[in-house]
Amino acid sequence: MAAASTPASNVGTMAGVTAEALTAMLLRTGTAGAPMLFGVPAMTVALNSGAPVHGSPDSAIVQFLAGQMARRYGIPPRAIANCATSKSADMQAAYDSMWGFFLHFGPGAQWITMAGGMMEGTSGWAMQKPSLILNSSMRSTFLQGFDSMIWTRFSRP
């Protein structure tokens, strides 16, 4: 959690979690055929209250940086799409969650979880059907222009 168990800056957070991830992967190399993905379930902490903030721009940026580090080390990247911090499923909530998705699309995340309908509210995380529909609609519209690029990019031997 950025600013709680790691430094508050995005670069400091990435230095710490990259060291942790690479150490864990080094320990797994003794197991033949062990699958490995590089990713950071990034959350930030509100410094005034100490509460975790899941849908912040900083957590999306840290996950983008993790995707770039995965590309640097040649490890398949994974990501968690940002949930919306809105308390209702509206277009603002859809835009909140989409920005997290855009940042994972750039480094080529091959496994994105929590990518549709996740809402952060007063009762914790919940998936809402209206939010899922809005997110699916926005993602399909966004990806229509990239279909040929995606298949070309991931079909290389």
Protein backbone atom coordinates (compact mmCIF):
# COMPACT_ATOMS: atom_id res chain seq x y z
CA MET A 1 0.00 0.00 0.00
CA ALA A 2 1.63 3.19 -1.21
CA ALA A 3 2.40 5.54 1.68
CA ALA A 4 1.72 2.82 4.26
CA SER A 5 4.07 -0.10 3.61
CA THR A 6 6.05 1.60 0.83
CA PRO A 7 7.26 5.15 0.21
CA ALA A 8 4.59 7.68 -0.75
CA SER A 9 6.12 8.42 -4.16
CA ASN A 10 5.25 6.25 -7.16
CA VAL A 11 8.91 5.65 -8.00
CA GLY A 12 9.71 4.60 -4.43
CA THR A 13 6.70 2.29 -4.40
CA MET A 14 7.84 0.68 -7.66
CA ALA A 15 11.37 0.17 -6.36
CA GLY A 16 10.05 -1.68 -3.31
CA VAL A 17 7.46 -3.83 -5.04
CA THR A 18 9.78 -4.66 -7.95
CA ALA A 19 12.36 -5.97 -5.49
CA GLU A 20 9.67 -8.02 -3.73
CA ALA A 21 8.31 -9.45 -6.98
CA LEU A 22 11.70 -10.35 -8.41
CA THR A 23 12.71 -12.01 -5.13
CA ALA A 24 9.54 -14.11 -5.15
CA MET A 25 10.18 -15.09 -8.78
CA LEU A 26 13.77 -16.01 -7.97
CA LEU A 27 12.54 -18.32 -5.22
CA ARG A 28 10.07 -19.93 -7.66
CA THR A 29 12.72 -20.70 -10.28
CA GLY A 30 13.51 -23.96 -8.51
CA THR A 31 10.09 -25.29 -9.51
CA ALA A 32 10.15 -26.41 -13.13
CA GLY A 33 7.34 -24.94 -15.20
CA ALA A 34 6.15 -22.59 -12.47
CA PRO A 35 3.95 -19.92 -14.07
CA MET A 36 4.89 -16.33 -13.28
CA LEU A 37 3.19 -13.00 -13.86
CA PHE A 38 4.45 -9.58 -12.86
CA GLY A 39 1.91 -7.24 -11.35
CA VAL A 40 1.18 -4.99 -8.44
CA PRO A 41 -2.20 -4.85 -6.69
CA ALA A 42 -1.56 -1.18 -6.03
CA MET A 43 -3.56 0.77 -3.53
CA THR A 44 -2.80 4.14 -2.10
CA VAL A 45 -3.57 5.42 1.35
CA ALA A 46 -5.29 8.70 2.12
CA LEU A 47 -2.66 10.43 4.19
CA ASN A 48 -5.21 12.42 6.20
CA SER A 49 -7.23 9.40 7.36
CA GLY A 50 -5.10 6.31 6.68
CA ALA A 51 -7.94 4.69 4.72
CA PRO A 52 -7.09 2.75 1.55
CA VAL A 53 -8.11 4.43 -1.70
CA HIS A 54 -8.55 1.94 -4.52
CA GLY A 55 -9.58 4.08 -7.48
CA SER A 56 -6.91 6.77 -7.30
CA PRO A 57 -4.79 7.95 -10.23
CA ASP A 58 -1.64 7.03 -8.29
CA SER A 59 -2.61 3.37 -8.07
CA ALA A 60 -3.25 3.32 -11.83
CA ILE A 61 0.13 4.93 -12.48
CA VAL A 62 1.90 2.40 -10.24
CA GLN A 63 0.23 -0.44 -12.13
CA PHE A 64 1.25 1.16 -15.44
CA LEU A 65 4.84 1.33 -14.18
CA ALA A 66 4.58 -2.32 -13.11
CA GLY A 67 3.52 -3.22 -16.64
CA GLN A 68 6.54 -1.40 -18.00
CA MET A 69 8.81 -3.23 -15.54
CA ALA A 70 7.28 -6.53 -16.64
CA ARG A 71 8.08 -5.68 -20.25
CA ARG A 72 11.62 -4.75 -19.21
CA TYR A 73 12.17 -8.12 -17.54
CA GLY A 74 10.29 -10.12 -20.20
CA ILE A 75 7.62 -11.38 -17.79
CA PRO A 76 3.92 -11.40 -18.74
CA PRO A 77 2.21 -8.45 -17.01
CA ARG A 78 -0.99 -8.65 -14.97
CA ALA A 79 -3.08 -5.80 -13.69
CA ILE A 80 -6.09 -4.84 -11.62
CA ALA A 81 -8.35 -2.32 -13.32
CA ASN A 82 -9.19 0.63 -11.13
CA CYS A 83 -12.57 0.49 -9.51
CA ALA A 84 -14.64 3.62 -9.44
CA THR A 85 -14.69 5.62 -6.24
CA SER A 86 -18.14 6.90 -7.11
CA LYS A 87 -21.01 5.66 -4.98
CA SER A 88 -23.41 5.30 -7.93
CA ALA A 89 -23.09 3.67 -11.34
CA ASP A 90 -23.00 6.70 -13.61
CA MET A 91 -20.81 7.90 -16.45
CA GLN A 92 -18.36 9.47 -14.01
CA ALA A 93 -17.87 6.06 -12.40
CA ALA A 94 -17.35 4.53 -15.85
CA TYR A 95 -14.71 7.13 -16.70
CA ASP A 96 -12.98 6.53 -13.36
CA SER A 97 -12.62 2.83 -14.03
CA MET A 98 -11.73 3.34 -17.69
CA TRP A 99 -8.62 5.38 -16.92
CA GLY A 100 -7.21 2.41 -15.05
CA PHE A 101 -7.95 0.22 -18.04
CA PHE A 102 -6.28 2.61 -20.50
CA LEU A 103 -3.06 2.58 -18.51
CA HIS A 104 -2.95 -1.24 -18.54
CA PHE A 105 -3.64 -1.42 -22.23
CA GLY A 106 -0.44 0.47 -23.04
CA PRO A 107 2.09 -1.92 -21.47
CA GLY A 108 0.12 -4.92 -22.77
CA ALA A 109 -1.30 -6.47 -19.61
CA GLN A 110 -2.28 -10.02 -20.47
CA TRP A 111 -4.50 -10.61 -17.46
CA ILE A 112 -6.67 -7.81 -16.10
CA THR A 113 -8.91 -8.56 -13.14
CA MET A 114 -11.73 -6.49 -11.67
CA ALA A 115 -12.19 -4.88 -15.07
CA GLY A 116 -15.93 -4.43 -15.04
CA GLY A 117 -18.54 -3.20 -12.63
CA MET A 118 -16.37 -2.77 -9.54
CA MET A 119 -17.52 0.04 -7.27
CA GLU A 120 -15.90 1.26 -4.09
CA GLY A 121 -18.47 2.48 -1.64
CA THR A 122 -19.08 2.81 2.04
CA SER A 123 -19.69 -0.93 2.42
CA GLY A 124 -16.50 -2.06 0.69
CA TRP A 125 -16.19 -3.30 -2.86
CA ALA A 126 -19.19 -4.48 -4.78
CA MET A 127 -19.95 -5.32 -8.37
CA GLN A 128 -22.97 -3.51 -9.73
CA LYS A 129 -24.78 -4.60 -12.89
CA PRO A 130 -25.36 -1.04 -14.19
CA SER A 131 -21.66 -0.28 -13.75
CA LEU A 132 -20.74 -3.53 -15.50
CA ILE A 133 -22.92 -2.58 -18.47
CA LEU A 134 -21.42 0.92 -18.67
CA ASN A 135 -17.86 -0.40 -18.40
CA SER A 136 -18.46 -3.10 -21.01
CA SER A 137 -19.94 -0.58 -23.41
CA MET A 138 -17.04 1.84 -23.00
CA ARG A 139 -14.41 -0.89 -23.34
CA SER A 140 -15.96 -2.36 -26.49
CA THR A 141 -16.13 1.10 -28.07
CA PHE A 142 -12.50 1.76 -27.15
CA LEU A 143 -11.23 -1.60 -28.38
CA GLN A 144 -13.00 -1.52 -31.76
CA GLY A 145 -10.29 0.66 -33.21
CA PHE A 146 -7.51 -1.54 -31.89
CA ASP A 147 -8.66 -5.02 -32.97
CA SER A 148 -6.06 -5.47 -35.71
CA MET A 149 -3.29 -3.99 -33.57
CA ILE A 150 -4.07 -6.27 -30.63
CA TRP A 151 -4.07 -9.45 -32.70
CA THR A 152 -0.90 -8.44 -34.51
CA ARG A 153 0.83 -7.58 -31.26
CA PHE A 154 0.02 -10.77 -29.38
CA SER A 155 0.28 -13.24 -32.25
CA ARG A 156 4.00 -12.78 -32.75
CA PRO A 157 6.00 -15.97 -32.17
